[in-house]
Amino acid sequence: QVQLVESGGRLVQPGGSLRLSCAASGSRLGPLAIGWFRQAPGKEREGVSCMSSGTYYADSVKGRFTMSTGNVANTFYLQMNNLRPEDTGVYYCAARRPYLCSLRENAFGAWGPGTQVTVSS
């Protein structure tokens, strides 16, 4: 019903910036809350940010990451600034039908395949 595809992940140096994109498609989309999650090697997947009527961020990225919508319908961005090595991981966008944000993984039912972000010098 809802398909998500992330793009924009790559190797960047510490202190650098990167913008990830999430494209949502399918029928019967309706209003969706969009979340970004990441999973570092050997660690559990964690919530990064979420956007519905407002935006919410994990403490670890607050002040550095920003979510926004694109000019094209059903496109969502995660702007990442001042990147750190601990930001390394596979980044996933996710969607949930209730137009209500959550940073809990289990709250989301639709997931993209992920895009790799590596922060290293």
PDB file of N, CA and C in Angstrom:
ATOM      1  N   GLN A   1       0.824  -1.200   0.000  1.00  0.00           N
ATOM      2  CA  GLN A   1       0.000   0.000   0.000  1.00  0.00           C
ATOM      3  C   GLN A   1       0.862   1.254   0.000  1.00  0.00           C
ATOM      4  N   VAL A   2       1.848   1.302   0.878  1.00  0.00           N
ATOM      5  CA  VAL A   2       2.767   2.430   0.950  1.00  0.00           C
ATOM      6  C   VAL A   2       4.177   1.924   0.689  1.00  0.00           C
ATOM      7  N   GLN A   3       4.823   2.509  -0.298  1.00  0.00           N
ATOM      8  CA  GLN A   3       6.197   2.173  -0.614  1.00  0.00           C
ATOM      9  C   GLN A   3       7.091   3.373  -0.305  1.00  0.00           C
ATOM     10  N   LEU A   4       8.222   3.099   0.302  1.00  0.00           N
ATOM     11  CA  LEU A   4       9.153   4.145   0.688  1.00  0.00           C
ATOM     12  C   LEU A   4      10.531   3.816   0.136  1.00  0.00           C
ATOM     13  N   VAL A   5      11.213   4.826  -0.377  1.00  0.00           N
ATOM     14  CA  VAL A   5      12.565   4.659  -0.888  1.00  0.00           C
ATOM     15  C   VAL A   5      13.412   5.820  -0.408  1.00  0.00           C
ATOM     16  N   GLU A   6      14.523   5.499   0.265  1.00  0.00           N
ATOM     17  CA  GLU A   6      15.458   6.515   0.717  1.00  0.00           C
ATOM     18  C   GLU A   6      16.567   6.707  -0.313  1.00  0.00           C
ATOM     19  N   SER A   7      17.165   7.873  -0.294  1.00  0.00           N
ATOM     20  CA  SER A   7      18.314   8.139  -1.142  1.00  0.00           C
ATOM     21  C   SER A   7      19.170   9.221  -0.500  1.00  0.00           C
ATOM     22  N   GLY A   8      20.401   9.326  -0.935  1.00  0.00           N
ATOM     23  CA  GLY A   8      21.291  10.381  -0.485  1.00  0.00           C
ATOM     24  C   GLY A   8      22.407   9.942   0.432  1.00  0.00           C
ATOM     25  N   GLY A   9      22.378   8.710   0.909  1.00  0.00           N
ATOM     26  CA  GLY A   9      23.419   8.254   1.809  1.00  0.00           C
ATOM     27  C   GLY A   9      24.745   8.077   1.090  1.00  0.00           C
ATOM     28  N   ARG A  10      25.834   8.429   1.782  1.00  0.00           N
ATOM     29  CA  ARG A  10      27.167   8.290   1.236  1.00  0.00           C
ATOM     30  C   ARG A  10      28.202   8.487   2.333  1.00  0.00           C
ATOM     31  N   LEU A  11      29.465   8.436   1.957  1.00  0.00           N
ATOM     32  CA  LEU A  11      30.564   8.689   2.875  1.00  0.00           C
ATOM     33  C   LEU A  11      30.800  10.186   2.991  1.00  0.00           C
ATOM     34  N   VAL A  12      30.847  10.684   4.224  1.00  0.00           N
ATOM     35  CA  VAL A  12      31.138  12.089   4.476  1.00  0.00           C
ATOM     36  C   VAL A  12      32.134  12.193   5.618  1.00  0.00           C
ATOM     37  N   GLN A  13      32.872  13.299   5.658  1.00  0.00           N
ATOM     38  CA  GLN A  13      33.819  13.539   6.730  1.00  0.00           C
ATOM     39  C   GLN A  13      33.127  14.101   7.963  1.00  0.00           C
ATOM     40  N   PRO A  14      33.692  13.867   9.143  1.00  0.00           N
ATOM     41  CA  PRO A  14      33.126  14.491  10.339  1.00  0.00           C
ATOM     42  C   PRO A  14      33.013  15.999  10.170  1.00  0.00           C
ATOM     43  N   GLY A  15      31.905  16.550  10.637  1.00  0.00           N
ATOM     44  CA  GLY A  15      31.635  17.960  10.473  1.00  0.00           C
ATOM     45  C   GLY A  15      30.922  18.307   9.186  1.00  0.00           C
ATOM     46  N   GLY A  16      30.800  17.352   8.300  1.00  0.00           N
ATOM     47  CA  GLY A  16      30.150  17.578   7.029  1.00  0.00           C
ATOM     48  C   GLY A  16      28.641  17.525   7.128  1.00  0.00           C
ATOM     49  N   SER A  17      27.993  17.756   5.999  1.00  0.00           N
ATOM     50  CA  SER A  17      26.538  17.777   5.918  1.00  0.00           C
ATOM     51  C   SER A  17      26.055  16.829   4.839  1.00  0.00           C
ATOM     52  N   LEU A  18      24.824  16.391   5.006  1.00  0.00           N
ATOM     53  CA  LEU A  18      24.219  15.467   4.064  1.00  0.00           C
ATOM     54  C   LEU A  18      22.711  15.624   4.139  1.00  0.00           C
ATOM     55  N   ARG A  19      22.047  15.495   3.002  1.00  0.00           N
ATOM     56  CA  ARG A  19      20.599  15.535   2.986  1.00  0.00           C
ATOM     57  C   ARG A  19      20.056  14.223   2.440  1.00  0.00           C
ATOM     58  N   LEU A  20      19.266  13.560   3.249  1.00  0.00           N
ATOM     59  CA  LEU A  20      18.615  12.332   2.841  1.00  0.00           C
ATOM     60  C   LEU A  20      17.213  12.637   2.350  1.00  0.00           C
ATOM     61  N   SER A  21      16.766  11.867   1.366  1.00  0.00           N
ATOM     62  CA  SER A  21      15.429  12.026   0.823  1.00  0.00           C
ATOM     63  C   SER A  21      14.633  10.752   1.032  1.00  0.00           C
ATOM     64  N   CYS A  22      13.341  10.920   1.220  1.00  0.00           N
ATOM     65  CA  CYS A  22      12.422   9.799   1.326  1.00  0.00           C
ATOM     66  C   CYS A  22      11.246  10.072   0.413  1.00  0.00           C
ATOM     67  N   ALA A  23      11.009   9.165  -0.521  1.00  0.00           N
ATOM     68  CA  ALA A  23       9.890   9.283  -1.437  1.00  0.00           C
ATOM     69  C   ALA A  23       8.845   8.233  -1.093  1.00  0.00           C
ATOM     70  N   ALA A  24       7.628   8.677  -0.873  1.00  0.00           N
ATOM     71  CA  ALA A  24       6.524   7.787  -0.562  1.00  0.00           C
ATOM     72  C   ALA A  24       5.607   7.681  -1.767  1.00  0.00           C
ATOM     73  N   SER A  25       5.154   6.486  -2.052  1.00  0.00           N
ATOM     74  CA  SER A  25       4.263   6.274  -3.179  1.00  0.00           C
ATOM     75  C   SER A  25       3.275   5.169  -2.857  1.00  0.00           C
ATOM     76  N   GLY A  26       2.273   5.042  -3.700  1.00  0.00           N
ATOM     77  CA  GLY A  26       1.259   4.029  -3.524  1.00  0.00           C
ATOM     78  C   GLY A  26      -0.126   4.627  -3.585  1.00  0.00           C
ATOM     79  N   SER A  27      -1.107   3.775  -3.450  1.00  0.00           N
ATOM     80  CA  SER A  27      -2.491   4.206  -3.451  1.00  0.00           C
ATOM     81  C   SER A  27      -2.996   4.357  -2.024  1.00  0.00           C
ATOM     82  N   ARG A  28      -4.010   5.175  -1.885  1.00  0.00           N
ATOM     83  CA  ARG A  28      -4.643   5.377  -0.583  1.00  0.00           C
ATOM     84  C   ARG A  28      -3.643   5.819   0.473  1.00  0.00           C
ATOM     85  N   LEU A  29      -2.786   6.741   0.117  1.00  0.00           N
ATOM     86  CA  LEU A  29      -1.760   7.182   1.055  1.00  0.00           C
ATOM     87  C   LEU A  29      -2.365   7.922   2.243  1.00  0.00           C
ATOM     88  N   GLY A  30      -3.149   8.931   1.962  1.00  0.00           N
ATOM     89  CA  GLY A  30      -3.717   9.734   3.028  1.00  0.00           C
ATOM     90  C   GLY A  30      -2.637  10.455   3.814  1.00  0.00           C
ATOM     91  N   PRO A  31      -3.016  11.127   4.883  1.00  0.00           N
ATOM     92  CA  PRO A  31      -2.021  11.796   5.728  1.00  0.00           C
ATOM     93  C   PRO A  31      -1.165  10.774   6.456  1.00  0.00           C
ATOM     94  N   LEU A  32       0.145  10.943   6.372  1.00  0.00           N
ATOM     95  CA  LEU A  32       1.080  10.020   6.995  1.00  0.00           C
ATOM     96  C   LEU A  32       2.053  10.773   7.889  1.00  0.00           C
ATOM     97  N   ALA A  33       2.329  10.194   9.031  1.00  0.00           N
ATOM     98  CA  ALA A  33       3.450  10.649   9.833  1.00  0.00           C
ATOM     99  C   ALA A  33       4.699   9.939   9.327  1.00  0.00           C
ATOM    100  N   ILE A  34       5.761  10.681   9.128  1.00  0.00           N
ATOM    101  CA  ILE A  34       7.000  10.145   8.584  1.00  0.00           C
ATOM    102  C   ILE A  34       8.087  10.195   9.640  1.00  0.00           C
ATOM    103  N   GLY A  35       8.746   9.072   9.835  1.00  0.00           N
ATOM    104  CA  GLY A  35       9.832   8.996  10.787  1.00  0.00           C
ATOM    105  C   GLY A  35      11.125   8.587  10.125  1.00  0.00           C
ATOM    106  N   TRP A  36      12.218   9.026  10.707  1.00  0.00           N
ATOM    107  CA  TRP A  36      13.548   8.584  10.314  1.00  0.00           C
ATOM    108  C   TRP A  36      14.160   7.792  11.458  1.00  0.00           C
ATOM    109  N   PHE A  37      14.720   6.645  11.125  1.00  0.00           N
ATOM    110  CA  PHE A  37      15.393   5.782  12.081  1.00  0.00           C
ATOM    111  C   PHE A  37      16.768   5.440  11.551  1.00  0.00           C
ATOM    112  N   ARG A  38      17.626   4.999  12.437  1.00  0.00           N
ATOM    113  CA  ARG A  38      18.950   4.576  12.007  1.00  0.00           C
ATOM    114  C   ARG A  38      19.408   3.387  12.842  1.00  0.00           C
ATOM    115  N   GLN A  39      20.285   2.605  12.250  1.00  0.00           N
ATOM    116  CA  GLN A  39      20.838   1.447  12.929  1.00  0.00           C
ATOM    117  C   GLN A  39      22.335   1.398  12.685  1.00  0.00           C
ATOM    118  N   ALA A  40      23.093   1.575  13.749  1.00  0.00           N
ATOM    119  CA  ALA A  40      24.539   1.491  13.678  1.00  0.00           C
ATOM    120  C   ALA A  40      24.974   0.038  13.825  1.00  0.00           C
ATOM    121  N   PRO A  41      26.169  -0.311  13.347  1.00  0.00           N
ATOM    122  CA  PRO A  41      26.645  -1.683  13.474  1.00  0.00           C
ATOM    123  C   PRO A  41      26.659  -2.145  14.928  1.00  0.00           C
ATOM    124  N   GLY A  42      26.052  -3.290  15.178  1.00  0.00           N
ATOM    125  CA  GLY A  42      26.034  -3.851  16.507  1.00  0.00           C
ATOM    126  C   GLY A  42      25.068  -3.199  17.473  1.00  0.00           C
ATOM    127  N   LYS A  43      24.246  -2.287  17.006  1.00  0.00           N
ATOM    128  CA  LYS A  43      23.314  -1.584  17.870  1.00  0.00           C
ATOM    129  C   LYS A  43      21.880  -1.763  17.390  1.00  0.00           C
ATOM    130  N   GLU A  44      20.951  -1.471  18.275  1.00  0.00           N
ATOM    131  CA  GLU A  44      19.540  -1.542  17.931  1.00  0.00           C
ATOM    132  C   GLU A  44      19.135  -0.328  17.106  1.00  0.00           C
ATOM    133  N   ARG A  45      18.096  -0.504  16.321  1.00  0.00           N
ATOM    134  CA  ARG A  45      17.574   0.605  15.542  1.00  0.00           C
ATOM    135  C   ARG A  45      16.943   1.634  16.478  1.00  0.00           C
ATOM    136  N   GLU A  46      17.237   2.900  16.230  1.00  0.00           N
ATOM    137  CA  GLU A  46      16.754   3.965  17.090  1.00  0.00           C
ATOM    138  C   GLU A  46      16.041   5.047  16.285  1.00  0.00           C
ATOM    139  N   GLY A  47      15.077   5.678  16.912  1.00  0.00           N
ATOM    140  CA  GLY A  47      14.371   6.768  16.278  1.00  0.00           C
ATOM    141  C   GLY A  47      15.220   8.016  16.229  1.00  0.00           C
ATOM    142  N   VAL A  48      15.197   8.696  15.106  1.00  0.00           N
ATOM    143  CA  VAL A  48      15.970   9.912  14.894  1.00  0.00           C
ATOM    144  C   VAL A  48      15.074  11.137  14.890  1.00  0.00           C
ATOM    145  N   SER A  49      14.018  11.085  14.099  1.00  0.00           N
ATOM    146  CA  SER A  49      13.113  12.222  13.996  1.00  0.00           C
ATOM    147  C   SER A  49      11.779  11.766  13.445  1.00  0.00           C
ATOM    148  N   CYS A  50      10.792  12.637  13.559  1.00  0.00           N
ATOM    149  CA  CYS A  50       9.456  12.344  13.050  1.00  0.00           C
ATOM    150  C   CYS A  50       8.777  13.655  12.703  1.00  0.00           C
ATOM    151  N   MET A  51       7.942  13.615  11.680  1.00  0.00           N
ATOM    152  CA  MET A  51       7.212  14.802  11.253  1.00  0.00           C
ATOM    153  C   MET A  51       5.763  14.463  10.979  1.00  0.00           C
ATOM    154  N   SER A  52       4.874  15.220  11.573  1.00  0.00           N
ATOM    155  CA  SER A  52       3.459  15.204  11.245  1.00  0.00           C
ATOM    156  C   SER A  52       3.048  16.669  11.088  1.00  0.00           C
ATOM    157  N   SER A  53       2.278  17.190  12.023  1.00  0.00           N
ATOM    158  CA  SER A  53       2.001  18.618  12.019  1.00  0.00           C
ATOM    159  C   SER A  53       3.179  19.419  12.566  1.00  0.00           C
ATOM    160  N   GLY A  54       4.060  18.754  13.258  1.00  0.00           N
ATOM    161  CA  GLY A  54       5.269  19.352  13.776  1.00  0.00           C
ATOM    162  C   GLY A  54       6.431  18.403  13.572  1.00  0.00           C
ATOM    163  N   THR A  55       7.579  18.764  14.072  1.00  0.00           N
ATOM    164  CA  THR A  55       8.757  17.919  13.957  1.00  0.00           C
ATOM    165  C   THR A  55       9.318  17.601  15.333  1.00  0.00           C
ATOM    166  N   TYR A  56       9.881  16.407  15.454  1.00  0.00           N
ATOM    167  CA  TYR A  56      10.408  15.930  16.712  1.00  0.00           C
ATOM    168  C   TYR A  56      11.739  15.244  16.455  1.00  0.00           C
ATOM    169  N   TYR A  57      12.650  15.359  17.411  1.00  0.00           N
ATOM    170  CA  TYR A  57      13.992  14.855  17.230  1.00  0.00           C
ATOM    171  C   TYR A  57      14.495  14.163  18.484  1.00  0.00           C
ATOM    172  N   ALA A  58      15.296  13.146  18.276  1.00  0.00           N
ATOM    173  CA  ALA A  58      15.995  12.528  19.383  1.00  0.00           C
ATOM    174  C   ALA A  58      17.022  13.504  19.939  1.00  0.00           C
ATOM    175  N   ASP A  59      17.301  13.395  21.230  1.00  0.00           N
ATOM    176  CA  ASP A  59      18.252  14.304  21.861  1.00  0.00           C
ATOM    177  C   ASP A  59      19.626  14.245  21.195  1.00  0.00           C
ATOM    178  N   SER A  60      19.985  13.085  20.679  1.00  0.00           N
ATOM    179  CA  SER A  60      21.300  12.907  20.100  1.00  0.00           C
ATOM    180  C   SER A  60      21.506  13.694  18.811  1.00  0.00           C
ATOM    181  N   VAL A  61      20.413  14.098  18.155  1.00  0.00           N
ATOM    182  CA  VAL A  61      20.531  14.816  16.889  1.00  0.00           C
ATOM    183  C   VAL A  61      19.914  16.202  16.941  1.00  0.00           C
ATOM    184  N   LYS A  62      19.273  16.543  18.028  1.00  0.00           N
ATOM    185  CA  LYS A  62      18.603  17.831  18.140  1.00  0.00           C
ATOM    186  C   LYS A  62      19.598  18.975  17.953  1.00  0.00           C
ATOM    187  N   GLY A  63      19.220  19.923  17.110  1.00  0.00           N
ATOM    188  CA  GLY A  63      20.091  21.040  16.803  1.00  0.00           C
ATOM    189  C   GLY A  63      20.997  20.806  15.624  1.00  0.00           C
ATOM    190  N   ARG A  64      21.103  19.557  15.169  1.00  0.00           N
ATOM    191  CA  ARG A  64      21.951  19.226  14.035  1.00  0.00           C
ATOM    192  C   ARG A  64      21.152  18.708  12.842  1.00  0.00           C
ATOM    193  N   PHE A  65      20.058  18.007  13.108  1.00  0.00           N
ATOM    194  CA  PHE A  65      19.235  17.420  12.052  1.00  0.00           C
ATOM    195  C   PHE A  65      17.924  18.187  11.941  1.00  0.00           C
ATOM    196  N   THR A  66      17.402  18.279  10.722  1.00  0.00           N
ATOM    197  CA  THR A  66      16.148  18.972  10.480  1.00  0.00           C
ATOM    198  C   THR A  66      15.336  18.224   9.433  1.00  0.00           C
ATOM    199  N   MET A  67      14.063  17.983   9.731  1.00  0.00           N
ATOM    200  CA  MET A  67      13.166  17.377   8.754  1.00  0.00           C
ATOM    201  C   MET A  67      12.375  18.453   8.033  1.00  0.00           C
ATOM    202  N   SER A  68      12.041  18.182   6.783  1.00  0.00           N
ATOM    203  CA  SER A  68      11.234  19.100   6.002  1.00  0.00           C
ATOM    204  C   SER A  68      10.540  18.338   4.893  1.00  0.00           C
ATOM    205  N   THR A  69       9.550  18.987   4.273  1.00  0.00           N
ATOM    206  CA  THR A  69       8.869  18.419   3.119  1.00  0.00           C
ATOM    207  C   THR A  69       9.414  19.046   1.851  1.00  0.00           C
ATOM    208  N   GLY A  70       9.304  18.309   0.754  1.00  0.00           N
ATOM    209  CA  GLY A  70       9.758  18.806  -0.528  1.00  0.00           C
ATOM    210  C   GLY A  70       8.639  19.467  -1.301  1.00  0.00           C
ATOM    211  N   ASN A  71       9.018  20.119  -2.393  1.00  0.00           N
ATOM    212  CA  ASN A  71       8.017  20.745  -3.255  1.00  0.00           C
ATOM    213  C   ASN A  71       7.170  19.701  -3.973  1.00  0.00           C
ATOM    214  N   VAL A  72       7.754  18.554  -4.238  1.00  0.00           N
ATOM    215  CA  VAL A  72       7.014  17.448  -4.831  1.00  0.00           C
ATOM    216  C   VAL A  72       6.258  16.724  -3.729  1.00  0.00           C
ATOM    217  N   ALA A  73       5.008  16.416  -3.996  1.00  0.00           N
ATOM    218  CA  ALA A  73       4.170  15.755  -3.004  1.00  0.00           C
ATOM    219  C   ALA A  73       4.778  14.432  -2.559  1.00  0.00           C
ATOM    220  N   ASN A  74       4.634  14.143  -1.283  1.00  0.00           N
ATOM    221  CA  ASN A  74       5.082  12.884  -0.701  1.00  0.00           C
ATOM    222  C   ASN A  74       6.594  12.688  -0.783  1.00  0.00           C
ATOM    223  N   THR A  75       7.319  13.772  -0.675  1.00  0.00           N
ATOM    224  CA  THR A  75       8.765  13.715  -0.545  1.00  0.00           C
ATOM    225  C   THR A  75       9.151  14.361   0.776  1.00  0.00           C
ATOM    226  N   PHE A  76      10.111  13.756   1.446  1.00  0.00           N
ATOM    227  CA  PHE A  76      10.502  14.195   2.766  1.00  0.00           C
ATOM    228  C   PHE A  76      12.021  14.181   2.877  1.00  0.00           C
ATOM    229  N   TYR A  77      12.559  15.168   3.561  1.00  0.00           N
ATOM    230  CA  TYR A  77      13.996  15.315   3.664  1.00  0.00           C
ATOM    231  C   TYR A  77      14.455  15.265   5.109  1.00  0.00           C
ATOM    232  N   LEU A  78      15.666  14.791   5.287  1.00  0.00           N
ATOM    233  CA  LEU A  78      16.356  14.880   6.559  1.00  0.00           C
ATOM    234  C   LEU A  78      17.695  15.557   6.302  1.00  0.00           C
ATOM    235  N   GLN A  79      17.790  16.812   6.711  1.00  0.00           N
ATOM    236  CA  GLN A  79      19.035  17.558   6.582  1.00  0.00           C
ATOM    237  C   GLN A  79      19.902  17.275   7.802  1.00  0.00           C
ATOM    238  N   MET A  80      21.108  16.798   7.562  1.00  0.00           N
ATOM    239  CA  MET A  80      22.011  16.427   8.636  1.00  0.00           C
ATOM    240  C   MET A  80      23.255  17.299   8.552  1.00  0.00           C
ATOM    241  N   ASN A  81      23.498  18.063   9.606  1.00  0.00           N
ATOM    242  CA  ASN A  81      24.651  18.950   9.672  1.00  0.00           C
ATOM    243  C   ASN A  81      25.565  18.546  10.816  1.00  0.00           C
ATOM    244  N   ASN A  82      26.810  18.996  10.729  1.00  0.00           N
ATOM    245  CA  ASN A  82      27.803  18.714  11.762  1.00  0.00           C
ATOM    246  C   ASN A  82      27.828  17.228  12.118  1.00  0.00           C
ATOM    247  N   LEU A  83      27.978  16.419  11.112  1.00  0.00           N
ATOM    248  CA  LEU A  83      27.917  14.975  11.302  1.00  0.00           C
ATOM    249  C   LEU A  83      29.092  14.456  12.120  1.00  0.00           C
ATOM    250  N   ARG A  84      28.822  13.440  12.906  1.00  0.00           N
ATOM    251  CA  ARG A  84      29.798  12.816  13.771  1.00  0.00           C
ATOM    252  C   ARG A  84      29.945  11.345  13.405  1.00  0.00           C
ATOM    253  N   PRO A  85      31.080  10.737  13.736  1.00  0.00           N
ATOM    254  CA  PRO A  85      31.244   9.310  13.446  1.00  0.00           C
ATOM    255  C   PRO A  85      30.135   8.448  14.036  1.00  0.00           C
ATOM    256  N   GLU A  86      29.607   8.820  15.191  1.00  0.00           N
ATOM    257  CA  GLU A  86      28.542   8.043  15.800  1.00  0.00           C
ATOM    258  C   GLU A  86      27.211   8.164  15.066  1.00  0.00           C
ATOM    259  N   ASP A  87      27.135   9.048  14.074  1.00  0.00           N
ATOM    260  CA  ASP A  87      25.954   9.124  13.225  1.00  0.00           C
ATOM    261  C   ASP A  87      25.959   8.063  12.141  1.00  0.00           C
ATOM    262  N   THR A  88      27.046   7.330  12.025  1.00  0.00           N
ATOM    263  CA  THR A  88      27.161   6.291  11.017  1.00  0.00           C
ATOM    264  C   THR A  88      26.104   5.208  11.215  1.00  0.00           C
ATOM    265  N   GLY A  89      25.504   4.777  10.134  1.00  0.00           N
ATOM    266  CA  GLY A  89      24.533   3.710  10.193  1.00  0.00           C
ATOM    267  C   GLY A  89      23.673   3.675   8.953  1.00  0.00           C
ATOM    268  N   VAL A  90      22.795   2.710   8.915  1.00  0.00           N
ATOM    269  CA  VAL A  90      21.799   2.636   7.860  1.00  0.00           C
ATOM    270  C   VAL A  90      20.596   3.452   8.301  1.00  0.00           C
ATOM    271  N   TYR A  91      20.198   4.386   7.465  1.00  0.00           N
ATOM    272  CA  TYR A  91      19.075   5.264   7.776  1.00  0.00           C
ATOM    273  C   TYR A  91      17.834   4.813   7.022  1.00  0.00           C
ATOM    274  N   TYR A  92      16.743   4.703   7.739  1.00  0.00           N
ATOM    275  CA  TYR A  92      15.478   4.258   7.188  1.00  0.00           C
ATOM    276  C   TYR A  92      14.417   5.337   7.362  1.00  0.00           C
ATOM    277  N   CYS A  93      13.576   5.513   6.368  1.00  0.00           N
ATOM    278  CA  CYS A  93      12.369   6.287   6.585  1.00  0.00           C
ATOM    279  C   CYS A  93      11.208   5.325   6.769  1.00  0.00           C
ATOM    280  N   ALA A  94      10.249   5.749   7.541  1.00  0.00           N
ATOM    281  CA  ALA A  94       9.112   4.916   7.879  1.00  0.00           C
ATOM    282  C   ALA A  94       7.852   5.768   7.905  1.00  0.00           C
ATOM    283  N   ALA A  95       6.714   5.125   7.713  1.00  0.00           N
ATOM    284  CA  ALA A  95       5.437   5.827   7.687  1.00  0.00           C
ATOM    285  C   ALA A  95       4.414   5.099   8.541  1.00  0.00           C
ATOM    286  N   ARG A  96       3.527   5.875   9.131  1.00  0.00           N
ATOM    287  CA  ARG A  96       2.411   5.316   9.872  1.00  0.00           C
ATOM    288  C   ARG A  96       1.147   6.070   9.520  1.00  0.00           C
ATOM    289  N   ARG A  97       0.037   5.375   9.532  1.00  0.00           N
ATOM    290  CA  ARG A  97      -1.240   5.964   9.128  1.00  0.00           C
ATOM    291  C   ARG A  97      -1.733   7.036  10.079  1.00  0.00           C
ATOM    292  N   PRO A  98      -1.713   6.808  11.383  1.00  0.00           N
ATOM    293  CA  PRO A  98      -2.144   7.902  12.256  1.00  0.00           C
ATOM    294  C   PRO A  98      -1.230   9.113  12.105  1.00  0.00           C
ATOM    295  N   TYR A  99      -1.822  10.263  11.952  1.00  0.00           N
ATOM    296  CA  TYR A  99      -1.053  11.490  11.772  1.00  0.00           C
ATOM    297  C   TYR A  99      -0.594  11.973  13.147  1.00  0.00           C
ATOM    298  N   LEU A 100       0.270  11.168  13.730  1.00  0.00           N
ATOM    299  CA  LEU A 100       0.761  11.419  15.077  1.00  0.00           C
ATOM    300  C   LEU A 100       2.168  10.865  15.170  1.00  0.00           C
ATOM    301  N   CYS A 101       3.078  11.669  15.635  1.00  0.00           N
ATOM    302  CA  CYS A 101       4.477  11.278  15.640  1.00  0.00           C
ATOM    303  C   CYS A 101       4.827  10.341  16.786  1.00  0.00           C
ATOM    304  N   SER A 102       5.812   9.519  16.518  1.00  0.00           N
ATOM    305  CA  SER A 102       6.388   8.625  17.497  1.00  0.00           C
ATOM    306  C   SER A 102       7.825   8.346  17.085  1.00  0.00           C
ATOM    307  N   LEU A 103       8.694   8.145  18.054  1.00  0.00           N
ATOM    308  CA  LEU A 103      10.059   7.724  17.780  1.00  0.00           C
ATOM    309  C   LEU A 103      10.265   6.254  18.124  1.00  0.00           C
ATOM    310  N   ARG A 104       9.174   5.547  18.324  1.00  0.00           N
ATOM    311  CA  ARG A 104       9.229   4.123  18.606  1.00  0.00           C
ATOM    312  C   ARG A 104       9.133   3.331  17.315  1.00  0.00           C
ATOM    313  N   GLU A 105      10.042   2.412  17.140  1.00  0.00           N
ATOM    314  CA  GLU A 105      10.096   1.602  15.934  1.00  0.00           C
ATOM    315  C   GLU A 105       8.792   0.849  15.684  1.00  0.00           C
ATOM    316  N   ASN A 106       8.198   0.307  16.734  1.00  0.00           N
ATOM    317  CA  ASN A 106       7.015  -0.523  16.578  1.00  0.00           C
ATOM    318  C   ASN A 106       5.780   0.259  16.174  1.00  0.00           C
ATOM    319  N   ALA A 107       5.840   1.573  16.236  1.00  0.00           N
ATOM    320  CA  ALA A 107       4.704   2.392  15.846  1.00  0.00           C
ATOM    321  C   ALA A 107       4.551   2.493  14.338  1.00  0.00           C
ATOM    322  N   PHE A 108       5.572   2.112  13.589  1.00  0.00           N
ATOM    323  CA  PHE A 108       5.584   2.274  12.142  1.00  0.00           C
ATOM    324  C   PHE A 108       5.458   0.925  11.449  1.00  0.00           C
ATOM    325  N   GLY A 109       4.635   0.893  10.413  1.00  0.00           N
ATOM    326  CA  GLY A 109       4.392  -0.346   9.705  1.00  0.00           C
ATOM    327  C   GLY A 109       4.977  -0.417   8.316  1.00  0.00           C
ATOM    328  N   ALA A 110       5.313   0.716   7.721  1.00  0.00           N
ATOM    329  CA  ALA A 110       5.888   0.754   6.383  1.00  0.00           C
ATOM    330  C   ALA A 110       7.311   1.279   6.468  1.00  0.00           C
ATOM    331  N   TRP A 111       8.224   0.593   5.791  1.00  0.00           N
ATOM    332  CA  TRP A 111       9.642   0.925   5.874  1.00  0.00           C
ATOM    333  C   TRP A 111      10.298   0.904   4.507  1.00  0.00           C
ATOM    334  N   GLY A 112      11.245   1.801   4.324  1.00  0.00           N
ATOM    335  CA  GLY A 112      12.076   1.753   3.139  1.00  0.00           C
ATOM    336  C   GLY A 112      13.222   0.790   3.341  1.00  0.00           C
ATOM    337  N   PRO A 113      13.976   0.506   2.277  1.00  0.00           N
ATOM    338  CA  PRO A 113      15.086  -0.445   2.382  1.00  0.00           C
ATOM    339  C   PRO A 113      16.325   0.109   3.080  1.00  0.00           C
ATOM    340  N   GLY A 114      16.398   1.411   3.259  1.00  0.00           N
ATOM    341  CA  GLY A 114      17.508   2.016   3.963  1.00  0.00           C
ATOM    342  C   GLY A 114      18.570   2.554   3.025  1.00  0.00           C
ATOM    343  N   THR A 115      19.351   3.502   3.535  1.00  0.00           N
ATOM    344  CA  THR A 115      20.473   4.063   2.805  1.00  0.00           C
ATOM    345  C   THR A 115      21.635   4.236   3.776  1.00  0.00           C
ATOM    346  N   GLN A 116      22.822   3.866   3.338  1.00  0.00           N
ATOM    347  CA  GLN A 116      23.993   3.847   4.212  1.00  0.00           C
ATOM    348  C   GLN A 116      24.610   5.231   4.331  1.00  0.00           C
ATOM    349  N   VAL A 117      24.817   5.660   5.569  1.00  0.00           N
ATOM    350  CA  VAL A 117      25.526   6.896   5.866  1.00  0.00           C
ATOM    351  C   VAL A 117      26.769   6.534   6.667  1.00  0.00           C
ATOM    352  N   THR A 118      27.919   6.921   6.167  1.00  0.00           N
ATOM    353  CA  THR A 118      29.173   6.658   6.848  1.00  0.00           C
ATOM    354  C   THR A 118      29.896   7.971   7.091  1.00  0.00           C
ATOM    355  N   VAL A 119      30.178   8.265   8.357  1.00  0.00           N
ATOM    356  CA  VAL A 119      30.885   9.478   8.745  1.00  0.00           C
ATOM    357  C   VAL A 119      32.264   9.058   9.225  1.00  0.00           C
ATOM    358  N   SER A 120      33.259   9.367   8.452  1.00  0.00           N
ATOM    359  CA  SER A 120      34.615   8.933   8.762  1.00  0.00           C
ATOM    360  C   SER A 120      35.619   9.818   8.054  1.00  0.00           C
ATOM    361  N   SER A 121      36.765  10.017   8.690  1.00  0.00           N
ATOM    362  CA  SER A 121      37.851  10.764   8.077  1.00  0.00           C
ATOM    363  C   SER A 121      38.863   9.840   7.433  1.00  0.00           C
TER     364      SER A 121
END
